Amino acid sequence: MSAGLRLPVELPIPESTLQTLREDAVDWAHAHGMVMRTAERKGNGDICQAAPFALLPSPFPADVFRQAQDVQKAMNLLYFRISFDFEYLKNWHSEAR
């Protein structure tokens, strides 16, 4: 891993800690509706599993994150202005049905 990337947790995490963390996260997912039906029992709404999620954050280059932050206000303004340009939207969505 490059010197510029730091993980928010120290690795390696002991297996017992990871197992407890995983179980707690799956319990949280079920308690908060972050679930989906299983492939085997699609028609049965009371059988579900936790939706896929990342247990730990992934390292991400800070400079790339700052670049995204730098353009975010301009992108928000662009989306806002486009949302009020009916002719532009009508033209771009003319083939959508």
N, C-alpha and C. Protein backbone atom coordinates (compact mmCIF):
# COMPACT_ATOMS: atom_id res chain seq x y z
N MET A 1 0.85 -1.17 0.00
CA MET A 1 0.00 0.00 0.00
C MET A 1 0.90 1.24 0.00
N SER A 2 0.51 2.24 -0.78
CA SER A 2 1.34 3.44 -0.87
C SER A 2 1.29 4.23 0.43
N ALA A 3 2.27 5.08 0.60
CA ALA A 3 2.37 5.84 1.85
C ALA A 3 1.21 6.82 2.02
N GLY A 4 0.57 7.25 0.91
CA GLY A 4 -0.52 8.21 1.00
C GLY A 4 -1.85 7.64 1.43
N LEU A 5 -1.97 6.31 1.44
CA LEU A 5 -3.24 5.69 1.80
C LEU A 5 -3.15 5.09 3.20
N ARG A 6 -4.10 5.47 4.05
CA ARG A 6 -4.15 4.91 5.40
C ARG A 6 -5.52 4.30 5.62
N LEU A 7 -5.52 3.16 6.24
CA LEU A 7 -6.79 2.52 6.58
C LEU A 7 -7.32 3.11 7.88
N PRO A 8 -8.65 3.15 8.04
CA PRO A 8 -9.23 3.69 9.27
C PRO A 8 -9.11 2.74 10.45
N VAL A 9 -8.70 1.51 10.21
CA VAL A 9 -8.51 0.52 11.28
C VAL A 9 -7.17 -0.16 11.08
N GLU A 10 -6.62 -0.65 12.15
CA GLU A 10 -5.36 -1.38 12.07
C GLU A 10 -5.62 -2.80 11.56
N LEU A 11 -4.84 -3.22 10.61
CA LEU A 11 -4.94 -4.58 10.08
C LEU A 11 -3.69 -5.34 10.43
N PRO A 12 -3.72 -6.60 10.61
CA PRO A 12 -4.90 -7.46 10.50
C PRO A 12 -5.76 -7.39 11.76
N ILE A 13 -7.05 -7.56 11.56
CA ILE A 13 -8.01 -7.61 12.66
C ILE A 13 -8.11 -9.07 13.10
N PRO A 14 -8.07 -9.33 14.39
CA PRO A 14 -8.20 -10.72 14.84
C PRO A 14 -9.48 -11.37 14.31
N GLU A 15 -9.40 -12.64 13.96
CA GLU A 15 -10.53 -13.36 13.38
C GLU A 15 -11.77 -13.31 14.27
N SER A 16 -11.59 -13.43 15.57
CA SER A 16 -12.75 -13.39 16.48
C SER A 16 -13.43 -12.02 16.44
N THR A 17 -12.65 -10.96 16.35
CA THR A 17 -13.20 -9.61 16.25
C THR A 17 -13.95 -9.43 14.94
N LEU A 18 -13.36 -9.93 13.85
CA LEU A 18 -14.02 -9.84 12.54
C LEU A 18 -15.35 -10.59 12.55
N GLN A 19 -15.36 -11.76 13.15
CA GLN A 19 -16.59 -12.56 13.20
C GLN A 19 -17.69 -11.83 13.98
N THR A 20 -17.32 -11.25 15.12
CA THR A 20 -18.29 -10.49 15.92
C THR A 20 -18.79 -9.28 15.15
N LEU A 21 -17.88 -8.57 14.49
CA LEU A 21 -18.24 -7.40 13.70
C LEU A 21 -19.19 -7.79 12.57
N ARG A 22 -18.89 -8.90 11.90
CA ARG A 22 -19.74 -9.37 10.81
C ARG A 22 -21.14 -9.71 11.33
N GLU A 23 -21.22 -10.44 12.41
CA GLU A 23 -22.52 -10.82 12.97
C GLU A 23 -23.33 -9.59 13.38
N ASP A 24 -22.67 -8.63 14.01
CA ASP A 24 -23.36 -7.40 14.42
C ASP A 24 -23.85 -6.62 13.20
N ALA A 25 -23.04 -6.57 12.15
CA ALA A 25 -23.41 -5.84 10.94
C ALA A 25 -24.60 -6.50 10.24
N VAL A 26 -24.61 -7.83 10.18
CA VAL A 26 -25.73 -8.54 9.56
C VAL A 26 -27.00 -8.35 10.40
N ASP A 27 -26.87 -8.40 11.71
CA ASP A 27 -28.03 -8.14 12.59
C ASP A 27 -28.57 -6.73 12.35
N TRP A 28 -27.67 -5.76 12.25
CA TRP A 28 -28.08 -4.38 12.01
C TRP A 28 -28.80 -4.28 10.67
N ALA A 29 -28.26 -4.94 9.64
CA ALA A 29 -28.88 -4.91 8.31
C ALA A 29 -30.31 -5.45 8.36
N HIS A 30 -30.50 -6.55 9.06
CA HIS A 30 -31.85 -7.12 9.16
C HIS A 30 -32.78 -6.21 9.96
N ALA A 31 -32.29 -5.62 11.02
CA ALA A 31 -33.12 -4.76 11.85
C ALA A 31 -33.52 -3.46 11.15
N HIS A 32 -32.71 -3.03 10.17
CA HIS A 32 -32.96 -1.77 9.49
C HIS A 32 -33.42 -1.94 8.04
N GLY A 33 -33.82 -3.15 7.68
CA GLY A 33 -34.40 -3.36 6.36
C GLY A 33 -33.42 -3.43 5.21
N MET A 34 -32.15 -3.60 5.50
CA MET A 34 -31.15 -3.70 4.43
C MET A 34 -31.04 -5.17 4.01
N VAL A 35 -32.15 -5.71 3.50
CA VAL A 35 -32.23 -7.13 3.17
C VAL A 35 -32.82 -7.32 1.78
N MET A 36 -32.70 -8.52 1.27
CA MET A 36 -33.30 -8.89 -0.01
C MET A 36 -33.73 -10.35 0.07
N ARG A 37 -34.65 -10.71 -0.79
CA ARG A 37 -35.10 -12.10 -0.81
C ARG A 37 -33.98 -13.00 -1.30
N THR A 38 -34.00 -14.24 -0.86
CA THR A 38 -32.99 -15.19 -1.31
C THR A 38 -33.33 -15.68 -2.71
N ALA A 39 -32.33 -16.08 -3.47
CA ALA A 39 -32.54 -16.57 -4.83
C ALA A 39 -33.40 -17.83 -4.83
N GLU A 40 -33.24 -18.66 -3.82
CA GLU A 40 -33.97 -19.92 -3.76
C GLU A 40 -35.45 -19.72 -3.42
N ARG A 41 -35.78 -18.67 -2.69
CA ARG A 41 -37.15 -18.48 -2.20
C ARG A 41 -37.68 -17.10 -2.60
N LYS A 42 -37.56 -16.75 -3.88
CA LYS A 42 -37.97 -15.42 -4.34
C LYS A 42 -39.43 -15.09 -4.05
N GLY A 43 -40.31 -16.08 -4.12
CA GLY A 43 -41.72 -15.83 -3.92
C GLY A 43 -42.14 -15.77 -2.47
N ASN A 44 -41.25 -16.04 -1.55
CA ASN A 44 -41.58 -16.07 -0.13
C ASN A 44 -41.00 -14.83 0.54
N GLY A 45 -41.86 -13.87 0.87
CA GLY A 45 -41.41 -12.60 1.42
C GLY A 45 -40.84 -12.65 2.82
N ASP A 46 -41.05 -13.75 3.55
CA ASP A 46 -40.53 -13.79 4.92
C ASP A 46 -39.17 -14.46 5.02
N ILE A 47 -38.60 -14.87 3.89
CA ILE A 47 -37.25 -15.44 3.87
C ILE A 47 -36.34 -14.41 3.19
N CYS A 48 -35.36 -13.91 3.92
CA CYS A 48 -34.49 -12.89 3.34
C CYS A 48 -33.06 -13.05 3.87
N GLN A 49 -32.18 -12.33 3.23
CA GLN A 49 -30.77 -12.30 3.64
C GLN A 49 -30.31 -10.86 3.59
N ALA A 50 -29.22 -10.57 4.28
CA ALA A 50 -28.68 -9.21 4.26
C ALA A 50 -28.20 -8.89 2.85
N ALA A 51 -28.49 -7.67 2.41
CA ALA A 51 -27.98 -7.22 1.12
C ALA A 51 -26.45 -7.10 1.21
N PRO A 52 -25.76 -7.28 0.09
CA PRO A 52 -24.29 -7.18 0.14
C PRO A 52 -23.84 -5.80 0.63
N PHE A 53 -22.80 -5.80 1.42
CA PHE A 53 -22.23 -4.55 1.92
C PHE A 53 -20.75 -4.77 2.22
N ALA A 54 -20.02 -3.68 2.30
CA ALA A 54 -18.60 -3.74 2.66
C ALA A 54 -18.50 -3.61 4.18
N LEU A 55 -17.83 -4.55 4.79
CA LEU A 55 -17.70 -4.53 6.24
C LEU A 55 -16.75 -3.43 6.70
N LEU A 56 -15.71 -3.19 5.93
CA LEU A 56 -14.72 -2.16 6.28
C LEU A 56 -14.57 -1.19 5.12
N PRO A 57 -14.28 0.06 5.39
CA PRO A 57 -14.06 1.02 4.30
C PRO A 57 -12.84 0.64 3.47
N SER A 58 -12.89 1.01 2.21
CA SER A 58 -11.75 0.78 1.33
C SER A 58 -10.89 2.04 1.31
N PRO A 59 -9.58 1.88 1.26
CA PRO A 59 -8.73 3.07 1.16
C PRO A 59 -8.99 3.78 -0.17
N PHE A 60 -8.95 5.09 -0.14
CA PHE A 60 -9.22 5.90 -1.33
C PHE A 60 -8.25 7.07 -1.32
N PRO A 61 -7.61 7.37 -2.45
CA PRO A 61 -6.62 8.45 -2.47
C PRO A 61 -7.24 9.80 -2.08
N ALA A 62 -6.63 10.46 -1.13
CA ALA A 62 -7.16 11.73 -0.62
C ALA A 62 -7.21 12.80 -1.70
N ASP A 63 -6.22 12.84 -2.59
CA ASP A 63 -6.22 13.87 -3.63
C ASP A 63 -7.38 13.69 -4.60
N VAL A 64 -7.73 12.47 -4.92
CA VAL A 64 -8.87 12.21 -5.80
C VAL A 64 -10.17 12.58 -5.10
N PHE A 65 -10.27 12.29 -3.81
CA PHE A 65 -11.45 12.68 -3.04
C PHE A 65 -11.60 14.20 -3.03
N ARG A 66 -10.51 14.93 -2.84
CA ARG A 66 -10.56 16.39 -2.83
C ARG A 66 -10.96 16.92 -4.21
N GLN A 67 -10.50 16.27 -5.29
CA GLN A 67 -10.91 16.69 -6.63
C GLN A 67 -12.42 16.57 -6.79
N ALA A 68 -12.97 15.47 -6.31
CA ALA A 68 -14.43 15.28 -6.39
C ALA A 68 -15.15 16.34 -5.58
N GLN A 69 -14.64 16.67 -4.40
CA GLN A 69 -15.25 17.72 -3.58
C GLN A 69 -15.18 19.07 -4.29
N ASP A 70 -14.06 19.34 -4.96
CA ASP A 70 -13.87 20.62 -5.62
C ASP A 70 -14.89 20.86 -6.74
N VAL A 71 -15.29 19.82 -7.45
CA VAL A 71 -16.23 20.00 -8.56
C VAL A 71 -17.69 19.81 -8.14
N GLN A 72 -17.93 19.37 -6.91
CA GLN A 72 -19.30 19.03 -6.50
C GLN A 72 -20.26 20.21 -6.56
N LYS A 73 -19.85 21.38 -6.09
CA LYS A 73 -20.76 22.53 -6.10
C LYS A 73 -21.12 22.91 -7.53
N ALA A 74 -20.15 22.88 -8.43
CA ALA A 74 -20.43 23.19 -9.84
C ALA A 74 -21.37 22.16 -10.45
N MET A 75 -21.18 20.89 -10.13
CA MET A 75 -22.06 19.84 -10.65
C MET A 75 -23.47 20.01 -10.10
N ASN A 76 -23.59 20.33 -8.82
CA ASN A 76 -24.92 20.54 -8.24
C ASN A 76 -25.64 21.69 -8.93
N LEU A 77 -24.92 22.77 -9.20
CA LEU A 77 -25.51 23.92 -9.89
C LEU A 77 -25.93 23.54 -11.31
N LEU A 78 -25.09 22.77 -11.99
CA LEU A 78 -25.43 22.32 -13.34
C LEU A 78 -26.71 21.49 -13.33
N TYR A 79 -26.80 20.51 -12.42
CA TYR A 79 -28.01 19.68 -12.32
C TYR A 79 -29.23 20.54 -12.01
N PHE A 80 -29.06 21.49 -11.12
CA PHE A 80 -30.16 22.37 -10.74
C PHE A 80 -30.67 23.16 -11.94
N ARG A 81 -29.75 23.74 -12.69
CA ARG A 81 -30.15 24.56 -13.84
C ARG A 81 -30.76 23.71 -14.94
N ILE A 82 -30.20 22.54 -15.18
CA ILE A 82 -30.76 21.65 -16.20
C ILE A 82 -32.18 21.24 -15.82
N SER A 83 -32.42 21.02 -14.55
CA SER A 83 -33.75 20.56 -14.12
C SER A 83 -34.84 21.58 -14.41
N PHE A 84 -34.48 22.84 -14.63
CA PHE A 84 -35.45 23.88 -14.96
C PHE A 84 -35.49 24.21 -16.44
N ASP A 85 -34.66 23.56 -17.24
CA ASP A 85 -34.62 23.82 -18.69
C ASP A 85 -35.49 22.79 -19.40
N PHE A 86 -36.79 23.08 -19.48
CA PHE A 86 -37.75 22.13 -20.02
C PHE A 86 -37.43 21.74 -21.46
N GLU A 87 -37.08 22.70 -22.30
CA GLU A 87 -36.79 22.39 -23.71
C GLU A 87 -35.59 21.46 -23.84
N TYR A 88 -34.57 21.71 -23.06
CA TYR A 88 -33.38 20.84 -23.07
C TYR A 88 -33.75 19.42 -22.65
N LEU A 89 -34.49 19.30 -21.56
CA LEU A 89 -34.89 17.98 -21.07
C LEU A 89 -35.80 17.28 -22.07
N LYS A 90 -36.73 18.02 -22.65
CA LYS A 90 -37.65 17.43 -23.63
C LYS A 90 -36.87 16.91 -24.83
N ASN A 91 -35.89 17.66 -25.28
CA ASN A 91 -35.06 17.25 -26.42
C ASN A 91 -34.28 15.98 -26.10
N TRP A 92 -33.64 15.95 -24.93
CA TRP A 92 -32.81 14.79 -24.58
C TRP A 92 -33.62 13.55 -24.25
N HIS A 93 -34.84 13.72 -23.82
CA HIS A 93 -35.67 12.57 -23.46
C HIS A 93 -36.73 12.26 -24.52
N SER A 94 -36.60 12.87 -25.68
CA SER A 94 -37.63 12.70 -26.71
C SER A 94 -37.77 11.26 -27.18
N GLU A 95 -36.70 10.48 -27.14
CA GLU A 95 -36.78 9.10 -27.61
C GLU A 95 -37.09 8.11 -26.49
N ALA A 96 -37.12 8.59 -25.27
CA ALA A 96 -37.44 7.70 -24.13
C ALA A 96 -38.94 7.47 -24.08
N ARG A 97 -39.31 6.28 -23.74
CA ARG A 97 -40.75 5.98 -23.66
C ARG A 97 -41.08 5.44 -22.31
